[in-house]
């Protein structure tokens, strides 16, 4: 670990700048990537930016309740990304948008998102996950990285706007050091203060939702990311937002993988506040290949 890594509110402010797109035309926006990061654009970033673009074309009385996206090409972090938004429908209660991310005149990601006016109705959710240690009872990411300096690489240099605390072992820990586990549970929160805009909290949660989800596929097999293990990429991503929340307050991301085959792994996740409210559900399929395979 070095003192040069951007963390806390400074990293959060940089994330807010990444999510603050420039409007270049009536339904077109432009986003950038952080100045320090991997060569390929992080999937949660492009999904979060696509949601920002879509949300800016919807009235303030409508809030996103679901999004479904496909990653079709790797993004180039050195180049801006243009987002073209199509107003698919504006009804009395719902608005639907299609947001396409374009680089070098080709789509790299496209997403459909649905927004709804606030309504009252039936209310329930599945039981909360089993009791787990609280965020201050599990190691911080700095603690984890200090234990495994050989796994740092670029991840030891990029900003960390999200406080991520694994309840078990992360997916980049070598497989011999942990037993296979069908679940991957992680405490998360934006590591600073966000403005009160609900769209921004939804975009931040979308950004965070891509960080650890596919770890649950590896957990089943005792596998690991990187050298001696697996390389992967997100293929598609879906999020359902169930209840109001703040992304800068702790939430538990309870992930597990129901299936893996054909070089692909399916992962599902539920997000809970500390008081047990389920705020979101996430599903993702990823491409997973053994290194050198």
C-alpha atoms as a PDB file:
ATOM      1  CA  UNK A   1       0.000   0.000   0.000  1.00  0.00           C
ATOM      2  CA  UNK A   2       1.186   3.507  -0.738  1.00  0.00           C
ATOM      3  CA  UNK A   3       0.006   6.841   0.547  1.00  0.00           C
ATOM      4  CA  UNK A   4      -0.722   7.903  -3.018  1.00  0.00           C
ATOM      5  CA  UNK A   5      -3.911   5.861  -3.385  1.00  0.00           C
ATOM      6  CA  UNK A   6      -6.976   8.099  -3.446  1.00  0.00           C
ATOM      7  CA  UNK A   7      -9.459   7.080  -0.722  1.00  0.00           C
ATOM      8  CA  UNK A   8     -12.285   8.580   1.337  1.00  0.00           C
ATOM      9  CA  UNK A   9     -14.076  11.752   0.280  1.00  0.00           C
ATOM     10  CA  UNK A  10     -11.365  12.637  -2.256  1.00  0.00           C
ATOM     11  CA  UNK A  11     -12.005   9.347  -4.084  1.00  0.00           C
ATOM     12  CA  UNK A  12     -15.767   9.867  -3.778  1.00  0.00           C
ATOM     13  CA  UNK A  13     -15.466  13.355  -5.273  1.00  0.00           C
ATOM     14  CA  UNK A  14     -13.567  11.863  -8.208  1.00  0.00           C
ATOM     15  CA  UNK A  15     -16.339   9.264  -8.655  1.00  0.00           C
ATOM     16  CA  UNK A  16     -18.917  12.059  -8.626  1.00  0.00           C
ATOM     17  CA  UNK A  17     -16.936  13.814 -11.360  1.00  0.00           C
ATOM     18  CA  UNK A  18     -16.923  10.596 -13.414  1.00  0.00           C
ATOM     19  CA  UNK A  19     -20.709  10.311 -13.016  1.00  0.00           C
ATOM     20  CA  UNK A  20     -21.291  13.993 -13.853  1.00  0.00           C
ATOM     21  CA  UNK A  21     -21.703  13.676 -17.621  1.00  0.00           C
ATOM     22  CA  UNK A  22     -21.529  16.555 -20.068  1.00  0.00           C
ATOM     23  CA  UNK A  23     -24.629  17.024 -22.203  1.00  0.00           C
ATOM     24  CA  UNK A  24     -23.513  17.391 -25.821  1.00  0.00           C
ATOM     25  CA  UNK A  25     -26.961  17.333 -27.505  1.00  0.00           C
ATOM     26  CA  UNK A  26     -30.633  16.971 -26.588  1.00  0.00           C
ATOM     27  CA  UNK A  27     -30.376  13.226 -25.786  1.00  0.00           C
ATOM     28  CA  UNK A  28     -26.609  12.699 -25.916  1.00  0.00           C
ATOM     29  CA  UNK A  29     -24.072  12.826 -23.089  1.00  0.00           C
ATOM     30  CA  UNK A  30     -20.325  12.332 -22.731  1.00  0.00           C
ATOM     31  CA  UNK A  31     -18.428  10.694 -19.895  1.00  0.00           C
ATOM     32  CA  UNK A  32     -14.793  10.145 -19.007  1.00  0.00           C
ATOM     33  CA  UNK A  33     -12.909   7.511 -17.013  1.00  0.00           C
ATOM     34  CA  UNK A  34     -10.764   8.136 -13.917  1.00  0.00           C
ATOM     35  CA  UNK A  35      -7.219   9.300 -14.690  1.00  0.00           C
ATOM     36  CA  UNK A  36      -5.782   6.195 -12.974  1.00  0.00           C
ATOM     37  CA  UNK A  37      -7.299   2.793 -13.605  1.00  0.00           C
ATOM     38  CA  UNK A  38      -7.162  -0.414 -15.642  1.00  0.00           C
ATOM     39  CA  UNK A  39      -6.808  -0.158 -19.421  1.00  0.00           C
ATOM     40  CA  UNK A  40     -10.305  -1.583 -19.925  1.00  0.00           C
ATOM     41  CA  UNK A  41     -13.220   0.490 -18.619  1.00  0.00           C
ATOM     42  CA  UNK A  42     -14.706  -0.957 -15.414  1.00  0.00           C
ATOM     43  CA  UNK A  43     -18.180  -2.349 -16.123  1.00  0.00           C
ATOM     44  CA  UNK A  44     -19.815  -0.702 -13.127  1.00  0.00           C
ATOM     45  CA  UNK A  45     -18.596   2.665 -14.381  1.00  0.00           C
ATOM     46  CA  UNK A  46     -20.148   2.394 -17.839  1.00  0.00           C
ATOM     47  CA  UNK A  47     -23.399   1.037 -16.358  1.00  0.00           C
ATOM     48  CA  UNK A  48     -23.520   3.849 -13.820  1.00  0.00           C
ATOM     49  CA  UNK A  49     -22.839   6.486 -16.471  1.00  0.00           C
ATOM     50  CA  UNK A  50     -25.469   4.984 -18.788  1.00  0.00           C
ATOM     51  CA  UNK A  51     -27.990   5.268 -15.951  1.00  0.00           C
ATOM     52  CA  UNK A  52     -27.001   8.896 -15.328  1.00  0.00           C
ATOM     53  CA  UNK A  53     -27.630   9.653 -18.999  1.00  0.00           C
ATOM     54  CA  UNK A  54     -31.008   7.911 -18.995  1.00  0.00           C
ATOM     55  CA  UNK A  55     -32.082   9.481 -15.716  1.00  0.00           C
ATOM     56  CA  UNK A  56     -31.348  13.006 -16.890  1.00  0.00           C
ATOM     57  CA  UNK A  57     -34.030  12.666 -19.573  1.00  0.00           C
ATOM     58  CA  UNK A  58     -36.752  11.699 -17.080  1.00  0.00           C
ATOM     59  CA  UNK A  59     -38.793  13.990 -14.835  1.00  0.00           C
ATOM     60  CA  UNK A  60     -37.704  14.369 -11.188  1.00  0.00           C
ATOM     61  CA  UNK A  61     -40.906  12.699  -9.959  1.00  0.00           C
ATOM     62  CA  UNK A  62     -39.867   9.324 -11.456  1.00  0.00           C
ATOM     63  CA  UNK A  63     -37.281   7.054  -9.901  1.00  0.00           C
ATOM     64  CA  UNK A  64     -35.398   4.149 -11.466  1.00  0.00           C
ATOM     65  CA  UNK A  65     -36.703   0.749 -10.383  1.00  0.00           C
ATOM     66  CA  UNK A  66     -34.816  -1.547 -12.795  1.00  0.00           C
ATOM     67  CA  UNK A  67     -32.096  -1.684 -15.403  1.00  0.00           C
ATOM     68  CA  UNK A  68     -30.905  -4.391 -17.786  1.00  0.00           C
ATOM     69  CA  UNK A  69     -27.643  -4.026 -19.689  1.00  0.00           C
ATOM     70  CA  UNK A  70     -25.294  -5.919 -22.006  1.00  0.00           C
ATOM     71  CA  UNK A  71     -21.538  -5.431 -22.310  1.00  0.00           C
ATOM     72  CA  UNK A  72     -20.755  -5.949 -25.995  1.00  0.00           C
ATOM     73  CA  UNK A  73     -17.197  -4.598 -26.361  1.00  0.00           C
ATOM     74  CA  UNK A  74     -14.410  -3.640 -23.946  1.00  0.00           C
ATOM     75  CA  UNK A  75     -14.207   0.089 -23.323  1.00  0.00           C
ATOM     76  CA  UNK A  76     -11.052   2.161 -23.771  1.00  0.00           C
ATOM     77  CA  UNK A  77     -10.349   4.051 -20.541  1.00  0.00           C
ATOM     78  CA  UNK A  78      -8.191   6.588 -22.391  1.00  0.00           C
ATOM     79  CA  UNK A  79     -11.076   7.833 -24.554  1.00  0.00           C
ATOM     80  CA  UNK A  80     -14.395   9.573 -23.707  1.00  0.00           C
ATOM     81  CA  UNK A  81     -17.619   7.580 -23.928  1.00  0.00           C
ATOM     82  CA  UNK A  82     -20.701   8.993 -25.658  1.00  0.00           C
ATOM     83  CA  UNK A  83     -24.135   7.980 -24.378  1.00  0.00           C
ATOM     84  CA  UNK A  84     -27.109   8.195 -26.728  1.00  0.00           C
ATOM     85  CA  UNK A  85     -30.504   8.003 -25.016  1.00  0.00           C
ATOM     86  CA  UNK A  86     -33.770   6.997 -26.653  1.00  0.00           C
ATOM     87  CA  UNK A  87     -37.106   7.820 -25.016  1.00  0.00           C
ATOM     88  CA  UNK A  88     -38.880   4.500 -25.536  1.00  0.00           C
ATOM     89  CA  UNK A  89     -42.020   5.431 -23.594  1.00  0.00           C
ATOM     90  CA  UNK A  90     -43.461   8.032 -21.241  1.00  0.00           C
ATOM     91  CA  UNK A  91     -46.690   6.810 -19.667  1.00  0.00           C
ATOM     92  CA  UNK A  92     -48.744   8.040 -16.754  1.00  0.00           C
ATOM     93  CA  UNK A  93     -46.715   6.034 -14.239  1.00  0.00           C
ATOM     94  CA  UNK A  94     -43.631   4.705 -16.026  1.00  0.00           C
ATOM     95  CA  UNK A  95     -40.897   6.025 -18.309  1.00  0.00           C
ATOM     96  CA  UNK A  96     -38.585   3.686 -20.226  1.00  0.00           C
ATOM     97  CA  UNK A  97     -35.231   4.704 -21.655  1.00  0.00           C
ATOM     98  CA  UNK A  98     -32.610   2.977 -23.793  1.00  0.00           C
ATOM     99  CA  UNK A  99     -29.060   4.207 -23.228  1.00  0.00           C
ATOM    100  CA  UNK A 100     -26.228   3.171 -25.572  1.00  0.00           C
ATOM    101  CA  UNK A 101     -22.537   3.736 -24.766  1.00  0.00           C
ATOM    102  CA  UNK A 102     -20.437   4.385 -27.873  1.00  0.00           C
ATOM    103  CA  UNK A 103     -16.696   4.543 -28.450  1.00  0.00           C
ATOM    104  CA  UNK A 104     -14.892   4.689 -31.798  1.00  0.00           C
ATOM    105  CA  UNK A 105     -18.318   4.733 -33.521  1.00  0.00           C
ATOM    106  CA  UNK A 106     -19.274   1.339 -32.054  1.00  0.00           C
ATOM    107  CA  UNK A 107     -21.507   0.397 -29.109  1.00  0.00           C
ATOM    108  CA  UNK A 108     -19.659  -0.992 -26.104  1.00  0.00           C
ATOM    109  CA  UNK A 109     -22.696  -1.266 -23.788  1.00  0.00           C
ATOM    110  CA  UNK A 110     -26.431  -0.800 -24.031  1.00  0.00           C
ATOM    111  CA  UNK A 111     -29.030  -0.640 -21.312  1.00  0.00           C
ATOM    112  CA  UNK A 112     -32.768  -0.352 -20.833  1.00  0.00           C
ATOM    113  CA  UNK A 113     -33.944   1.362 -17.664  1.00  0.00           C
ATOM    114  CA  UNK A 114     -37.447   1.873 -16.283  1.00  0.00           C
ATOM    115  CA  UNK A 115     -38.513   4.744 -14.021  1.00  0.00           C
ATOM    116  CA  UNK A 116     -41.719   4.912 -11.956  1.00  0.00           C
ATOM    117  CA  UNK A 117     -43.693   7.515 -10.085  1.00  0.00           C
ATOM    118  CA  UNK A 118     -43.901   6.783  -6.351  1.00  0.00           C
ATOM    119  CA  UNK A 119     -46.872   4.541  -5.509  1.00  0.00           C
ATOM    120  CA  UNK A 120     -48.215   2.675  -2.485  1.00  0.00           C
ATOM    121  CA  UNK A 121     -48.861  -1.074  -2.642  1.00  0.00           C
ATOM    122  CA  UNK A 122     -48.052  -4.510  -1.240  1.00  0.00           C
ATOM    123  CA  UNK A 123     -44.777  -4.645   0.661  1.00  0.00           C
ATOM    124  CA  UNK A 124     -42.652  -7.653   1.618  1.00  0.00           C
ATOM    125  CA  UNK A 125     -39.218  -9.124   0.983  1.00  0.00           C
ATOM    126  CA  UNK A 126     -37.415 -12.400   1.535  1.00  0.00           C
ATOM    127  CA  UNK A 127     -35.915 -13.055   4.959  1.00  0.00           C
ATOM    128  CA  UNK A 128     -32.689 -11.256   5.726  1.00  0.00           C
ATOM    129  CA  UNK A 129     -29.458 -13.235   5.323  1.00  0.00           C
ATOM    130  CA  UNK A 130     -28.010 -15.059   8.347  1.00  0.00           C
ATOM    131  CA  UNK A 131     -26.302 -12.964  10.988  1.00  0.00           C
ATOM    132  CA  UNK A 132     -22.839 -11.883   9.902  1.00  0.00           C
ATOM    133  CA  UNK A 133     -20.170  -9.765  11.600  1.00  0.00           C
ATOM    134  CA  UNK A 134     -20.765  -6.031  11.358  1.00  0.00           C
ATOM    135  CA  UNK A 135     -18.582  -3.827   9.106  1.00  0.00           C
ATOM    136  CA  UNK A 136     -16.302  -2.718  11.948  1.00  0.00           C
ATOM    137  CA  UNK A 137     -15.729  -6.382  12.890  1.00  0.00           C
ATOM    138  CA  UNK A 138     -14.238  -7.482   9.539  1.00  0.00           C
ATOM    139  CA  UNK A 139     -10.957  -6.436   7.863  1.00  0.00           C
ATOM    140  CA  UNK A 140     -10.823  -3.291   5.761  1.00  0.00           C
ATOM    141  CA  UNK A 141      -9.645  -3.449   2.155  1.00  0.00           C
ATOM    142  CA  UNK A 142      -6.334  -1.897   3.258  1.00  0.00           C
ATOM    143  CA  UNK A 143      -5.924  -4.747   5.746  1.00  0.00           C
ATOM    144  CA  UNK A 144      -6.672  -7.325   3.040  1.00  0.00           C
ATOM    145  CA  UNK A 145      -4.271  -5.841   0.518  1.00  0.00           C
ATOM    146  CA  UNK A 146      -1.500  -5.589   3.119  1.00  0.00           C
ATOM    147  CA  UNK A 147      -1.793  -9.353   3.685  1.00  0.00           C
ATOM    148  CA  UNK A 148      -1.522 -10.151  -0.028  1.00  0.00           C
ATOM    149  CA  UNK A 149       0.872  -7.602  -1.583  1.00  0.00           C
ATOM    150  CA  UNK A 150       1.581  -9.955  -4.491  1.00  0.00           C
ATOM    151  CA  UNK A 151      -2.044  -9.548  -5.628  1.00  0.00           C
ATOM    152  CA  UNK A 152      -1.947  -5.749  -5.791  1.00  0.00           C
ATOM    153  CA  UNK A 153      -0.977  -4.894  -9.363  1.00  0.00           C
ATOM    154  CA  UNK A 154      -3.065  -2.013 -10.714  1.00  0.00           C
ATOM    155  CA  UNK A 155      -5.553  -2.462  -7.853  1.00  0.00           C
ATOM    156  CA  UNK A 156      -3.002  -1.072  -5.445  1.00  0.00           C
ATOM    157  CA  UNK A 157      -2.921   2.206  -7.376  1.00  0.00           C
ATOM    158  CA  UNK A 158      -6.488   3.021  -8.414  1.00  0.00           C
ATOM    159  CA  UNK A 159      -8.824   5.220  -6.314  1.00  0.00           C
ATOM    160  CA  UNK A 160     -11.149   3.449  -3.896  1.00  0.00           C
ATOM    161  CA  UNK A 161     -14.378   5.465  -3.532  1.00  0.00           C
ATOM    162  CA  UNK A 162     -16.179   2.415  -2.100  1.00  0.00           C
ATOM    163  CA  UNK A 163     -15.390   0.990   1.328  1.00  0.00           C
ATOM    164  CA  UNK A 164     -15.489  -2.775   0.676  1.00  0.00           C
ATOM    165  CA  UNK A 165     -15.236  -5.211   3.597  1.00  0.00           C
ATOM    166  CA  UNK A 166     -15.418  -8.923   2.848  1.00  0.00           C
ATOM    167  CA  UNK A 167     -17.077 -11.083   5.489  1.00  0.00           C
ATOM    168  CA  UNK A 168     -15.159 -14.084   4.076  1.00  0.00           C
ATOM    169  CA  UNK A 169     -12.159 -14.183   1.773  1.00  0.00           C
ATOM    170  CA  UNK A 170     -12.107 -12.142  -1.459  1.00  0.00           C
ATOM    171  CA  UNK A 171     -12.054 -13.704  -4.908  1.00  0.00           C
ATOM    172  CA  UNK A 172      -8.426 -12.674  -5.448  1.00  0.00           C
ATOM    173  CA  UNK A 173      -7.108 -14.686  -2.482  1.00  0.00           C
ATOM    174  CA  UNK A 174      -5.327 -17.841  -3.600  1.00  0.00           C
ATOM    175  CA  UNK A 175      -7.647 -20.873  -3.552  1.00  0.00           C
ATOM    176  CA  UNK A 176      -5.597 -22.925  -1.117  1.00  0.00           C
ATOM    177  CA  UNK A 177      -6.216 -20.424   1.669  1.00  0.00           C
ATOM    178  CA  UNK A 178      -9.997 -20.757   1.849  1.00  0.00           C
ATOM    179  CA  UNK A 179     -12.606 -23.506   1.561  1.00  0.00           C
ATOM    180  CA  UNK A 180     -15.180 -23.528  -1.204  1.00  0.00           C
ATOM    181  CA  UNK A 181     -18.235 -21.489  -0.226  1.00  0.00           C
ATOM    182  CA  UNK A 182     -21.502 -20.996  -2.152  1.00  0.00           C
ATOM    183  CA  UNK A 183     -21.879 -17.452  -0.780  1.00  0.00           C
ATOM    184  CA  UNK A 184     -19.820 -14.294  -0.986  1.00  0.00           C
ATOM    185  CA  UNK A 185     -20.876 -11.642   1.518  1.00  0.00           C
ATOM    186  CA  UNK A 186     -19.482  -8.132   1.491  1.00  0.00           C
ATOM    187  CA  UNK A 187     -20.258  -4.959   3.394  1.00  0.00           C
ATOM    188  CA  UNK A 188     -20.128  -1.876   1.181  1.00  0.00           C
ATOM    189  CA  UNK A 189     -20.744   1.854   1.287  1.00  0.00           C
ATOM    190  CA  UNK A 190     -19.608   4.903  -0.631  1.00  0.00           C
ATOM    191  CA  UNK A 191     -16.612   6.039   1.430  1.00  0.00           C
ATOM    192  CA  UNK A 192     -17.749   9.630   1.866  1.00  0.00           C
ATOM    193  CA  UNK A 193     -20.818  11.831   1.573  1.00  0.00           C
ATOM    194  CA  UNK A 194     -23.076  11.881  -1.493  1.00  0.00           C
ATOM    195  CA  UNK A 195     -25.588  14.585  -2.419  1.00  0.00           C
ATOM    196  CA  UNK A 196     -29.234  13.744  -1.693  1.00  0.00           C
ATOM    197  CA  UNK A 197     -30.207  13.097  -5.354  1.00  0.00           C
ATOM    198  CA  UNK A 198     -31.825   9.595  -5.450  1.00  0.00           C
ATOM    199  CA  UNK A 199     -30.633   9.049  -9.037  1.00  0.00           C
ATOM    200  CA  UNK A 200     -27.047   9.597  -7.951  1.00  0.00           C
ATOM    201  CA  UNK A 201     -27.417   7.022  -5.164  1.00  0.00           C
ATOM    202  CA  UNK A 202     -28.871   4.532  -7.664  1.00  0.00           C
ATOM    203  CA  UNK A 203     -25.949   5.162 -10.027  1.00  0.00           C
ATOM    204  CA  UNK A 204     -23.447   4.739  -7.191  1.00  0.00           C
ATOM    205  CA  UNK A 205     -25.104   1.470  -6.154  1.00  0.00           C
ATOM    206  CA  UNK A 206     -24.990   0.286  -9.771  1.00  0.00           C
ATOM    207  CA  UNK A 207     -21.289   1.170  -9.872  1.00  0.00           C
ATOM    208  CA  UNK A 208     -20.671  -0.864  -6.697  1.00  0.00           C
ATOM    209  CA  UNK A 209     -22.809  -3.825  -7.760  1.00  0.00           C
ATOM    210  CA  UNK A 210     -20.269  -4.982 -10.368  1.00  0.00           C
ATOM    211  CA  UNK A 211     -17.306  -5.070  -7.971  1.00  0.00           C
ATOM    212  CA  UNK A 212     -17.650  -8.439  -6.204  1.00  0.00           C
ATOM    213  CA  UNK A 213     -20.628 -10.248  -7.740  1.00  0.00           C
ATOM    214  CA  UNK A 214     -18.696 -12.748  -9.890  1.00  0.00           C
ATOM    215  CA  UNK A 215     -16.502 -13.605  -6.889  1.00  0.00           C
ATOM    216  CA  UNK A 216     -19.375 -15.849  -5.812  1.00  0.00           C
ATOM    217  CA  UNK A 217     -18.875 -18.049  -8.897  1.00  0.00           C
ATOM    218  CA  UNK A 218     -15.241 -18.584  -7.948  1.00  0.00           C
ATOM    219  CA  UNK A 219     -16.148 -19.208  -4.308  1.00  0.00           C
ATOM    220  CA  UNK A 220     -18.111 -22.335  -5.237  1.00  0.00           C
ATOM    221  CA  UNK A 221     -14.993 -23.869  -6.790  1.00  0.00           C
ATOM    222  CA  UNK A 222     -12.305 -22.441  -4.519  1.00  0.00           C
ATOM    223  CA  UNK A 223     -10.914 -20.595  -7.537  1.00  0.00           C
ATOM    224  CA  UNK A 224      -9.131 -17.232  -7.671  1.00  0.00           C
ATOM    225  CA  UNK A 225      -8.871 -14.263 -10.030  1.00  0.00           C
ATOM    226  CA  UNK A 226      -5.626 -13.623 -11.848  1.00  0.00           C
ATOM    227  CA  UNK A 227      -2.390 -15.621 -12.204  1.00  0.00           C
ATOM    228  CA  UNK A 228      -2.917 -19.292 -11.530  1.00  0.00           C
ATOM    229  CA  UNK A 229      -6.663 -18.882 -11.672  1.00  0.00           C
ATOM    230  CA  UNK A 230      -9.381 -17.286 -13.782  1.00  0.00           C
ATOM    231  CA  UNK A 231      -9.825 -14.200 -15.932  1.00  0.00           C
ATOM    232  CA  UNK A 232     -13.286 -12.889 -16.652  1.00  0.00           C
ATOM    233  CA  UNK A 233     -15.534 -10.169 -17.965  1.00  0.00           C
ATOM    234  CA  UNK A 234     -19.136  -9.136 -17.371  1.00  0.00           C
ATOM    235  CA  UNK A 235     -21.526 -10.151 -20.150  1.00  0.00           C
ATOM    236  CA  UNK A 236     -24.763  -8.685 -18.849  1.00  0.00           C
ATOM    237  CA  UNK A 237     -26.031  -6.999 -15.719  1.00  0.00           C
ATOM    238  CA  UNK A 238     -29.449  -6.376 -14.198  1.00  0.00           C
ATOM    239  CA  UNK A 239     -30.455  -4.436 -11.078  1.00  0.00           C
ATOM    240  CA  UNK A 240     -33.853  -4.024  -9.428  1.00  0.00           C
ATOM    241  CA  UNK A 241     -34.187  -1.199  -6.892  1.00  0.00           C
ATOM    242  CA  UNK A 242     -36.822  -2.073  -4.297  1.00  0.00           C
ATOM    243  CA  UNK A 243     -36.810   0.658  -1.643  1.00  0.00           C
ATOM    244  CA  UNK A 244     -35.279   4.061  -0.937  1.00  0.00           C
ATOM    245  CA  UNK A 245     -31.696   3.915   0.315  1.00  0.00           C
ATOM    246  CA  UNK A 246     -28.462   5.831   0.659  1.00  0.00           C
ATOM    247  CA  UNK A 247     -25.412   4.356  -1.037  1.00  0.00           C
ATOM    248  CA  UNK A 248     -23.161   6.174   1.456  1.00  0.00           C
ATOM    249  CA  UNK A 249     -24.557   4.074   4.308  1.00  0.00           C
ATOM    250  CA  UNK A 250     -23.537   0.453   4.944  1.00  0.00           C
ATOM    251  CA  UNK A 251     -25.327  -2.279   3.000  1.00  0.00           C
ATOM    252  CA  UNK A 252     -24.631  -6.017   2.926  1.00  0.00           C
ATOM    253  CA  UNK A 253     -24.169  -7.538  -0.535  1.00  0.00           C
ATOM    254  CA  UNK A 254     -25.126 -11.218  -0.212  1.00  0.00           C
ATOM    255  CA  UNK A 255     -24.077 -13.019  -3.412  1.00  0.00           C
ATOM    256  CA  UNK A 256     -24.219 -16.609  -4.591  1.00  0.00           C
ATOM    257  CA  UNK A 257     -23.937 -18.496  -7.855  1.00  0.00           C
ATOM    258  CA  UNK A 258     -26.684 -20.934  -8.909  1.00  0.00           C
ATOM    259  CA  UNK A 259     -24.904 -22.160 -12.065  1.00  0.00           C
ATOM    260  CA  UNK A 260     -21.703 -22.130 -14.119  1.00  0.00           C
ATOM    261  CA  UNK A 261     -21.163 -23.884 -17.460  1.00  0.00           C
ATOM    262  CA  UNK A 262     -19.837 -23.315 -20.964  1.00  0.00           C
ATOM    263  CA  UNK A 263     -17.238 -20.793 -19.819  1.00  0.00           C
ATOM    264  CA  UNK A 264     -19.935 -18.636 -18.210  1.00  0.00           C
ATOM    265  CA  UNK A 265     -20.992 -18.158 -14.614  1.00  0.00           C
ATOM    266  CA  UNK A 266     -24.277 -16.788 -13.274  1.00  0.00           C
ATOM    267  CA  UNK A 267     -24.265 -14.789 -10.050  1.00  0.00           C
ATOM    268  CA  UNK A 268     -27.114 -13.289  -8.065  1.00  0.00           C
ATOM    269  CA  UNK A 269     -26.990 -10.816  -5.222  1.00  0.00           C
ATOM    270  CA  UNK A 270     -29.258  -9.208  -2.651  1.00  0.00           C
ATOM    271  CA  UNK A 271     -28.464  -5.926  -0.911  1.00  0.00           C
ATOM    272  CA  UNK A 272     -29.634  -5.245   2.639  1.00  0.00           C
ATOM    273  CA  UNK A 273     -29.363  -2.224   4.907  1.00  0.00           C
ATOM    274  CA  UNK A 274     -27.997  -2.760   8.401  1.00  0.00           C
ATOM    275  CA  UNK A 275     -31.549  -2.867   9.750  1.00  0.00           C
ATOM    276  CA  UNK A 276     -32.471  -5.724   7.374  1.00  0.00           C
ATOM    277  CA  UNK A 277     -34.381  -3.928   4.585  1.00  0.00           C
ATOM    278  CA  UNK A 278     -33.744  -5.396   1.136  1.00  0.00           C
ATOM    279  CA  UNK A 279     -32.958  -2.432  -1.096  1.00  0.00           C
ATOM    280  CA  UNK A 280     -31.895  -4.121  -4.345  1.00  0.00           C
ATOM    281  CA  UNK A 281     -31.461  -7.395  -6.247  1.00  0.00           C
ATOM    282  CA  UNK A 282     -28.742  -7.979  -8.846  1.00  0.00           C
ATOM    283  CA  UNK A 283     -28.119 -10.682 -11.463  1.00  0.00           C
ATOM    284  CA  UNK A 284     -25.083 -10.962 -13.708  1.00  0.00           C
ATOM    285  CA  UNK A 285     -23.588 -13.488 -16.110  1.00  0.00           C
ATOM    286  CA  UNK A 286     -19.869 -13.370 -16.703  1.00  0.00           C
ATOM    287  CA  UNK A 287     -17.341 -14.929 -19.037  1.00  0.00           C
ATOM    288  CA  UNK A 288     -14.851 -16.988 -17.005  1.00  0.00           C
ATOM    289  CA  UNK A 289     -11.743 -18.596 -18.478  1.00  0.00           C
ATOM    290  CA  UNK A 290      -8.762 -20.235 -16.824  1.00  0.00           C
ATOM    291  CA  UNK A 291      -5.556 -18.300 -17.303  1.00  0.00           C
ATOM    292  CA  UNK A 292      -3.626 -19.858 -20.162  1.00  0.00           C
ATOM    293  CA  UNK A 293      -6.653 -21.921 -21.179  1.00  0.00           C
END
